[in-house]
């Protein structure tokens, strides 16, 4: 049985912008230190297609509690993108897998 409070909370979290979850992201960033990597990328489209992977030599900055550990690798004009889950746990890692097939025929 779903209570009215649980139903209301679920609707708010589903309908509201993801910024509504900011406190969840921050809380989880304390536990999942490496779970919120921000990848420098010119556009979200490029990020979705994996064109901004892997992190540059200086590393990728973190979002959340450990964000202040990345001094001097970002500038004011950079844009960063990251993955988040749609439900707890929100932290999400990004992997790029490439498969090359060849023919011996």
C-alpha atoms as a PDB file:
ATOM      1  CA  UNK A   1       0.000   0.000   0.000  1.00  0.00           C
ATOM      2  CA  UNK A   2       1.356   3.387  -1.018  1.00  0.00           C
ATOM      3  CA  UNK A   3       0.843   6.282   1.342  1.00  0.00           C
ATOM      4  CA  UNK A   4      -0.209   9.713   0.094  1.00  0.00           C
ATOM      5  CA  UNK A   5       3.141  11.141   1.249  1.00  0.00           C
ATOM      6  CA  UNK A   6       5.150   8.521  -0.664  1.00  0.00           C
ATOM      7  CA  UNK A   7       2.989   9.032  -3.745  1.00  0.00           C
ATOM      8  CA  UNK A   8       3.454  12.824  -3.603  1.00  0.00           C
ATOM      9  CA  UNK A   9       7.220  12.480  -3.117  1.00  0.00           C
ATOM     10  CA  UNK A  10       7.458  10.092  -6.074  1.00  0.00           C
ATOM     11  CA  UNK A  11       5.475  12.428  -8.326  1.00  0.00           C
ATOM     12  CA  UNK A  12       7.596  15.439  -7.339  1.00  0.00           C
ATOM     13  CA  UNK A  13      10.857  13.596  -7.993  1.00  0.00           C
ATOM     14  CA  UNK A  14       9.592  12.341 -11.352  1.00  0.00           C
ATOM     15  CA  UNK A  15       8.080  15.578 -12.617  1.00  0.00           C
ATOM     16  CA  UNK A  16      10.525  18.116 -11.212  1.00  0.00           C
ATOM     17  CA  UNK A  17      13.769  19.020 -12.937  1.00  0.00           C
ATOM     18  CA  UNK A  18      16.754  16.897 -11.917  1.00  0.00           C
ATOM     19  CA  UNK A  19      18.026  19.890  -9.944  1.00  0.00           C
ATOM     20  CA  UNK A  20      15.453  18.829  -7.345  1.00  0.00           C
ATOM     21  CA  UNK A  21      17.739  15.863  -6.622  1.00  0.00           C
ATOM     22  CA  UNK A  22      20.800  18.013  -5.898  1.00  0.00           C
ATOM     23  CA  UNK A  23      20.917  17.134  -2.219  1.00  0.00           C
ATOM     24  CA  UNK A  24      20.740  13.422  -3.109  1.00  0.00           C
ATOM     25  CA  UNK A  25      23.634  13.832  -5.541  1.00  0.00           C
ATOM     26  CA  UNK A  26      25.699  15.715  -2.984  1.00  0.00           C
ATOM     27  CA  UNK A  27      25.009  13.163  -0.227  1.00  0.00           C
ATOM     28  CA  UNK A  28      25.936  10.276  -2.498  1.00  0.00           C
ATOM     29  CA  UNK A  29      29.090  12.047  -3.684  1.00  0.00           C
ATOM     30  CA  UNK A  30      30.470  11.761  -0.142  1.00  0.00           C
ATOM     31  CA  UNK A  31      30.206   7.957  -0.284  1.00  0.00           C
ATOM     32  CA  UNK A  32      30.922   7.443  -4.013  1.00  0.00           C
ATOM     33  CA  UNK A  33      33.954   9.680  -4.389  1.00  0.00           C
ATOM     34  CA  UNK A  34      34.650   8.691  -8.008  1.00  0.00           C
ATOM     35  CA  UNK A  35      31.017   8.384  -9.067  1.00  0.00           C
ATOM     36  CA  UNK A  36      30.427  11.897 -10.378  1.00  0.00           C
ATOM     37  CA  UNK A  37      33.193  12.616 -12.907  1.00  0.00           C
ATOM     38  CA  UNK A  38      32.678  15.700 -15.046  1.00  0.00           C
ATOM     39  CA  UNK A  39      33.989  15.245 -18.597  1.00  0.00           C
ATOM     40  CA  UNK A  40      35.074  18.426 -20.417  1.00  0.00           C
ATOM     41  CA  UNK A  41      33.139  18.561 -23.679  1.00  0.00           C
ATOM     42  CA  UNK A  42      31.965  21.205 -26.146  1.00  0.00           C
ATOM     43  CA  UNK A  43      28.394  19.869 -26.500  1.00  0.00           C
ATOM     44  CA  UNK A  44      26.074  17.358 -24.884  1.00  0.00           C
ATOM     45  CA  UNK A  45      25.730  15.630 -28.264  1.00  0.00           C
ATOM     46  CA  UNK A  46      29.494  15.053 -28.365  1.00  0.00           C
ATOM     47  CA  UNK A  47      29.387  13.744 -24.805  1.00  0.00           C
ATOM     48  CA  UNK A  48      26.573  11.291 -25.641  1.00  0.00           C
ATOM     49  CA  UNK A  49      28.566   9.939 -28.596  1.00  0.00           C
ATOM     50  CA  UNK A  50      31.661   9.332 -26.449  1.00  0.00           C
ATOM     51  CA  UNK A  51      33.791  11.986 -28.134  1.00  0.00           C
ATOM     52  CA  UNK A  52      34.984  13.436 -24.815  1.00  0.00           C
ATOM     53  CA  UNK A  53      36.394  10.277 -23.336  1.00  0.00           C
ATOM     54  CA  UNK A  54      38.745   9.524 -21.595  1.00  0.00           C
ATOM     55  CA  UNK A  55      39.618  12.266 -19.143  1.00  0.00           C
ATOM     56  CA  UNK A  56      42.461  14.620 -20.105  1.00  0.00           C
ATOM     57  CA  UNK A  57      45.925  14.173 -18.569  1.00  0.00           C
ATOM     58  CA  UNK A  58      45.080  16.395 -15.587  1.00  0.00           C
ATOM     59  CA  UNK A  59      42.060  14.232 -14.805  1.00  0.00           C
ATOM     60  CA  UNK A  60      38.371  15.015 -14.744  1.00  0.00           C
ATOM     61  CA  UNK A  61      36.958  17.093 -11.906  1.00  0.00           C
ATOM     62  CA  UNK A  62      34.382  15.685  -9.545  1.00  0.00           C
ATOM     63  CA  UNK A  63      30.934  17.045  -8.852  1.00  0.00           C
ATOM     64  CA  UNK A  64      29.852  17.236  -5.240  1.00  0.00           C
ATOM     65  CA  UNK A  65      31.717  16.953  -1.969  1.00  0.00           C
ATOM     66  CA  UNK A  66      35.173  16.381  -3.493  1.00  0.00           C
ATOM     67  CA  UNK A  67      34.900  19.069  -6.179  1.00  0.00           C
ATOM     68  CA  UNK A  68      37.466  21.265  -4.426  1.00  0.00           C
ATOM     69  CA  UNK A  69      40.234  18.660  -4.886  1.00  0.00           C
ATOM     70  CA  UNK A  70      40.701  19.630  -8.545  1.00  0.00           C
ATOM     71  CA  UNK A  71      42.480  22.962  -8.409  1.00  0.00           C
ATOM     72  CA  UNK A  72      44.020  24.533 -11.517  1.00  0.00           C
ATOM     73  CA  UNK A  73      42.715  22.028 -14.099  1.00  0.00           C
ATOM     74  CA  UNK A  74      39.597  23.932 -15.020  1.00  0.00           C
ATOM     75  CA  UNK A  75      38.909  27.413 -16.272  1.00  0.00           C
ATOM     76  CA  UNK A  76      35.841  29.613 -16.047  1.00  0.00           C
ATOM     77  CA  UNK A  77      34.855  28.907 -19.655  1.00  0.00           C
ATOM     78  CA  UNK A  78      34.774  25.095 -19.625  1.00  0.00           C
ATOM     79  CA  UNK A  79      31.639  22.993 -19.851  1.00  0.00           C
ATOM     80  CA  UNK A  80      31.443  19.582 -18.179  1.00  0.00           C
ATOM     81  CA  UNK A  81      28.973  16.738 -18.580  1.00  0.00           C
ATOM     82  CA  UNK A  82      28.396  13.678 -16.432  1.00  0.00           C
ATOM     83  CA  UNK A  83      26.116  10.691 -16.172  1.00  0.00           C
ATOM     84  CA  UNK A  84      23.674  10.215 -13.334  1.00  0.00           C
ATOM     85  CA  UNK A  85      21.319   7.347 -12.673  1.00  0.00           C
ATOM     86  CA  UNK A  86      17.564   7.814 -12.755  1.00  0.00           C
ATOM     87  CA  UNK A  87      17.231   6.423  -9.222  1.00  0.00           C
ATOM     88  CA  UNK A  88      19.460   5.703  -6.253  1.00  0.00           C
ATOM     89  CA  UNK A  89      22.303   5.036  -6.639  1.00  0.00           C
ATOM     90  CA  UNK A  90      22.727   8.136  -8.764  1.00  0.00           C
ATOM     91  CA  UNK A  91      26.470   7.906  -9.329  1.00  0.00           C
ATOM     92  CA  UNK A  92      27.331   6.442 -12.678  1.00  0.00           C
ATOM     93  CA  UNK A  93      30.586   5.541 -14.387  1.00  0.00           C
ATOM     94  CA  UNK A  94      31.277   5.985 -18.072  1.00  0.00           C
ATOM     95  CA  UNK A  95      32.996   3.305 -20.113  1.00  0.00           C
ATOM     96  CA  UNK A  96      33.932   3.193 -23.749  1.00  0.00           C
ATOM     97  CA  UNK A  97      34.203  -0.204 -25.393  1.00  0.00           C
ATOM     98  CA  UNK A  98      35.488  -0.642 -28.914  1.00  0.00           C
ATOM     99  CA  UNK A  99      35.311  -3.910 -30.851  1.00  0.00           C
ATOM    100  CA  UNK A 100      37.213  -4.374 -34.079  1.00  0.00           C
ATOM    101  CA  UNK A 101      36.220  -7.283 -36.293  1.00  0.00           C
ATOM    102  CA  UNK A 102      38.467  -8.523 -39.062  1.00  0.00           C
ATOM    103  CA  UNK A 103      38.024 -11.134 -41.700  1.00  0.00           C
ATOM    104  CA  UNK A 104      40.645 -13.758 -42.511  1.00  0.00           C
ATOM    105  CA  UNK A 105      39.001 -14.648 -45.778  1.00  0.00           C
END
